[in-house]
Amino acid sequence: MKLRLGPLPAAKPVRLTVSVSVELKAALDEYAKIHADVHGQAVTAENLIPIMLQTFMANDRGFQQARRTAR
């Protein structure tokens, strides 16, 4: 099985608090379990969220274009 997210890179975290729905938390926990099974490395939803957001933003062409224009 191949997931969109590969192994997680090491990064220096900055604390950010967010609230999510119960359903989203359950889905994130399930994704974390599957990710751990696929990559053989335990991971939590809290570790996945920053990488998911980074991946989403990197693949958002509108965001990237607006970012380049703003510079």
C-alpha atoms as a PDB file:
ATOM      1  CA  MET A   1       0.000   0.000   0.000  1.00  0.00           C
ATOM      2  CA  LYS A   2       1.233   3.493  -0.766  1.00  0.00           C
ATOM      3  CA  LEU A   3       0.176   6.548   1.195  1.00  0.00           C
ATOM      4  CA  ARG A   4       0.495  10.118   0.031  1.00  0.00           C
ATOM      5  CA  LEU A   5       2.676  10.876   3.082  1.00  0.00           C
ATOM      6  CA  GLY A   6       6.002   9.102   3.176  1.00  0.00           C
ATOM      7  CA  PRO A   7       8.190   8.708   6.253  1.00  0.00           C
ATOM      8  CA  LEU A   8       8.127  11.814   8.415  1.00  0.00           C
ATOM      9  CA  PRO A   9      11.161  14.092   8.376  1.00  0.00           C
ATOM     10  CA  ALA A  10      12.773  15.344  11.552  1.00  0.00           C
ATOM     11  CA  ALA A  11      11.727  18.905  12.333  1.00  0.00           C
ATOM     12  CA  LYS A  12      11.906  21.401  15.167  1.00  0.00           C
ATOM     13  CA  PRO A  13       8.293  21.820  16.277  1.00  0.00           C
ATOM     14  CA  VAL A  14       6.495  25.004  17.268  1.00  0.00           C
ATOM     15  CA  ARG A  15       3.476  24.483  19.536  1.00  0.00           C
ATOM     16  CA  LEU A  16       0.132  25.345  17.921  1.00  0.00           C
ATOM     17  CA  THR A  17      -3.219  24.417  19.422  1.00  0.00           C
ATOM     18  CA  VAL A  18      -6.167  23.581  17.161  1.00  0.00           C
ATOM     19  CA  SER A  19      -9.582  22.061  17.713  1.00  0.00           C
ATOM     20  CA  VAL A  20     -10.989  19.419  15.388  1.00  0.00           C
ATOM     21  CA  SER A  21     -14.207  17.455  15.256  1.00  0.00           C
ATOM     22  CA  VAL A  22     -14.486  14.054  16.914  1.00  0.00           C
ATOM     23  CA  GLU A  23     -14.835  12.489  13.472  1.00  0.00           C
ATOM     24  CA  LEU A  24     -11.686  14.165  12.162  1.00  0.00           C
ATOM     25  CA  LYS A  25      -9.701  13.104  15.249  1.00  0.00           C
ATOM     26  CA  ALA A  26     -10.833   9.508  14.738  1.00  0.00           C
ATOM     27  CA  ALA A  27      -9.843   9.644  11.063  1.00  0.00           C
ATOM     28  CA  LEU A  28      -6.438  11.128  11.937  1.00  0.00           C
ATOM     29  CA  ASP A  29      -5.853   8.397  14.510  1.00  0.00           C
ATOM     30  CA  GLU A  30      -6.808   5.768  11.930  1.00  0.00           C
ATOM     31  CA  TYR A  31      -4.483   7.340   9.352  1.00  0.00           C
ATOM     32  CA  ALA A  32      -1.670   7.374  11.927  1.00  0.00           C
ATOM     33  CA  LYS A  33      -2.176   3.659  12.586  1.00  0.00           C
ATOM     34  CA  ILE A  34      -2.150   2.809   8.878  1.00  0.00           C
ATOM     35  CA  HIS A  35       0.877   5.060   8.335  1.00  0.00           C
ATOM     36  CA  ALA A  36       2.713   3.238  11.137  1.00  0.00           C
ATOM     37  CA  ASP A  37       1.805  -0.131   9.617  1.00  0.00           C
ATOM     38  CA  VAL A  38       3.020   0.920   6.161  1.00  0.00           C
ATOM     39  CA  HIS A  39       6.248   2.615   7.262  1.00  0.00           C
ATOM     40  CA  GLY A  40       7.061   0.539  10.341  1.00  0.00           C
ATOM     41  CA  GLN A  41       7.425   3.590  12.572  1.00  0.00           C
ATOM     42  CA  ALA A  42       4.971   4.586  15.290  1.00  0.00           C
ATOM     43  CA  VAL A  43       3.426   7.984  14.648  1.00  0.00           C
ATOM     44  CA  THR A  44       0.645  10.017  16.248  1.00  0.00           C
ATOM     45  CA  ALA A  45      -1.982  12.208  14.662  1.00  0.00           C
ATOM     46  CA  GLU A  46      -0.218  15.174  16.249  1.00  0.00           C
ATOM     47  CA  ASN A  47       2.942  14.278  14.307  1.00  0.00           C
ATOM     48  CA  LEU A  48       1.050  13.830  11.055  1.00  0.00           C
ATOM     49  CA  ILE A  49      -0.945  17.069  11.056  1.00  0.00           C
ATOM     50  CA  PRO A  50       1.975  19.442  10.325  1.00  0.00           C
ATOM     51  CA  ILE A  51       3.213  17.278   7.465  1.00  0.00           C
ATOM     52  CA  MET A  52      -0.317  16.961   6.065  1.00  0.00           C
ATOM     53  CA  LEU A  53      -0.732  20.744   6.154  1.00  0.00           C
ATOM     54  CA  GLN A  54       2.691  21.304   4.612  1.00  0.00           C
ATOM     55  CA  THR A  55       1.898  18.830   1.823  1.00  0.00           C
ATOM     56  CA  PHE A  56      -1.512  20.391   1.215  1.00  0.00           C
ATOM     57  CA  MET A  57      -0.047  23.900   0.986  1.00  0.00           C
ATOM     58  CA  ALA A  58       2.838  22.785  -1.238  1.00  0.00           C
ATOM     59  CA  ASN A  59       0.341  21.270  -3.688  1.00  0.00           C
ATOM     60  CA  ASP A  60      -2.099  24.198  -3.675  1.00  0.00           C
ATOM     61  CA  ARG A  61      -1.252  25.978  -6.922  1.00  0.00           C
ATOM     62  CA  GLY A  62      -3.407  28.995  -6.101  1.00  0.00           C
ATOM     63  CA  PHE A  63      -1.624  29.472  -2.794  1.00  0.00           C
ATOM     64  CA  GLN A  64       1.799  29.076  -4.389  1.00  0.00           C
ATOM     65  CA  GLN A  65       0.945  31.590  -7.114  1.00  0.00           C
ATOM     66  CA  ALA A  66      -0.411  34.114  -4.596  1.00  0.00           C
ATOM     67  CA  ARG A  67       2.690  33.636  -2.479  1.00  0.00           C
ATOM     68  CA  ARG A  68       5.002  34.315  -5.426  1.00  0.00           C
ATOM     69  CA  THR A  69       2.960  37.394  -6.400  1.00  0.00           C
ATOM     70  CA  ALA A  70       3.109  38.767  -2.850  1.00  0.00           C
ATOM     71  CA  ARG A  71       6.902  38.602  -2.850  1.00  0.00           C
END
